[in-house]
Amino acid sequence: MKIYLTAIIKSKPEFREEVLAQLQEMVVSTRKEAACLQYDLHQGITDENLFVFYEIWQDEAGLALHNEQPYIKAFGAMAADKLAATPEILLTKLL
């Protein structure tokens, strides 16, 4: 079953460019993963500190493998200091 994921990320204003750079690197690396069907990064129009990922994964196993990648773990380590809040992750299925 495909997994549809939306991740909402809010950076602290002073770290926006650094967070954005790391998110953009994640896009490049993640799109190479076999189970990644779609991985799009969006930025808020009225709030440039807001970033949203829209993702589609082939299955739960592929998403689990993605979450173990070094670039995802590196983002997690950075998040505590440079994000304004814990990222919100929404897992959904297509109806």
Protein backbone atom coordinates (compact mmCIF):
# COMPACT_ATOMS: atom_id res chain seq x y z
CA MET A 1 0.00 0.00 0.00
CA LYS A 2 1.31 3.46 -0.90
CA ILE A 3 2.00 5.86 1.96
CA TYR A 4 1.20 9.55 1.53
CA LEU A 5 3.11 11.77 3.93
CA THR A 6 2.90 15.46 4.66
CA ALA A 7 5.58 16.94 6.91
CA ILE A 8 5.20 20.46 8.31
CA ILE A 9 8.45 22.08 9.40
CA LYS A 10 8.91 25.51 10.94
CA SER A 11 12.41 26.95 11.21
CA LYS A 12 13.53 29.64 13.58
CA PRO A 13 13.90 32.83 11.49
CA GLU A 14 17.63 33.15 12.14
CA PHE A 15 18.24 29.61 10.81
CA ARG A 16 15.86 29.68 7.81
CA GLU A 17 18.57 29.64 5.13
CA GLU A 18 20.52 26.86 6.85
CA VAL A 19 17.38 24.75 7.33
CA LEU A 20 16.33 25.37 3.72
CA ALA A 21 19.73 24.29 2.42
CA GLN A 22 19.56 21.04 4.36
CA LEU A 23 15.98 20.39 3.21
CA GLN A 24 17.01 20.94 -0.41
CA GLU A 25 19.87 18.45 0.01
CA MET A 26 17.36 15.95 1.40
CA VAL A 27 15.24 16.37 -1.75
CA VAL A 28 18.17 15.51 -4.02
CA SER A 29 19.17 12.45 -2.00
CA THR A 30 15.66 11.18 -1.28
CA ARG A 31 14.54 11.27 -4.89
CA LYS A 32 17.22 8.64 -5.61
CA GLU A 33 15.62 6.15 -3.19
CA ALA A 34 13.86 3.26 -4.95
CA ALA A 35 10.70 3.48 -2.82
CA CYS A 36 10.31 7.25 -3.30
CA LEU A 37 7.52 7.98 -5.78
CA GLN A 38 7.24 11.70 -5.04
CA TYR A 39 9.12 14.07 -2.72
CA ASP A 40 8.26 17.74 -3.07
CA LEU A 41 9.34 20.63 -0.86
CA HIS A 42 7.17 23.74 -0.49
CA GLN A 43 7.82 27.04 1.30
CA GLY A 44 5.17 29.26 2.86
CA ILE A 45 4.22 32.38 0.94
CA THR A 46 3.30 34.55 3.91
CA ASP A 47 5.66 32.75 6.32
CA GLU A 48 9.01 31.93 4.72
CA ASN A 49 10.00 29.97 7.83
CA LEU A 50 7.34 27.36 7.03
CA PHE A 51 8.30 24.35 4.92
CA VAL A 52 6.04 21.51 3.85
CA PHE A 53 7.05 18.20 2.31
CA TYR A 54 4.53 16.27 0.26
CA GLU A 55 5.71 12.70 -0.21
CA ILE A 56 4.46 9.47 -1.72
CA TRP A 57 6.15 6.20 -0.77
CA GLN A 58 5.79 2.83 -2.41
CA ASP A 59 5.16 1.14 0.94
CA GLU A 60 5.85 1.23 4.67
CA ALA A 61 9.13 -0.65 4.27
CA GLY A 62 10.44 1.97 1.86
CA LEU A 63 9.48 4.79 4.21
CA ALA A 64 11.13 2.98 7.11
CA LEU A 65 14.34 2.62 5.09
CA HIS A 66 14.17 6.33 4.20
CA ASN A 67 13.98 7.25 7.87
CA GLU A 68 17.25 5.39 8.50
CA GLN A 69 19.24 7.30 5.87
CA PRO A 70 22.15 9.42 7.16
CA TYR A 71 20.76 12.66 5.70
CA ILE A 72 17.44 12.13 7.49
CA LYS A 73 19.20 11.38 10.78
CA ALA A 74 21.39 14.49 10.30
CA PHE A 75 18.29 16.63 9.85
CA GLY A 76 16.79 15.15 13.02
CA ALA A 77 19.93 16.02 14.97
CA MET A 78 19.85 19.59 13.67
CA ALA A 79 16.13 20.04 14.29
CA ALA A 80 16.23 20.48 18.07
CA ASP A 81 18.25 23.70 17.87
CA LYS A 82 17.13 25.26 14.59
CA LEU A 83 13.42 24.55 14.35
CA ALA A 84 10.73 26.57 16.10
CA ALA A 85 8.68 23.42 16.80
CA THR A 86 8.82 19.66 16.43
CA PRO A 87 7.96 18.74 12.83
CA GLU A 88 4.39 17.54 12.35
CA ILE A 89 4.17 14.33 10.31
CA LEU A 90 0.86 13.27 8.79
CA LEU A 91 0.62 9.75 7.33
CA THR A 92 -2.38 9.21 5.07
CA LYS A 93 -3.80 6.89 2.46
CA LEU A 94 -5.54 7.77 -0.77
CA LEU A 95 -9.29 7.15 -0.74
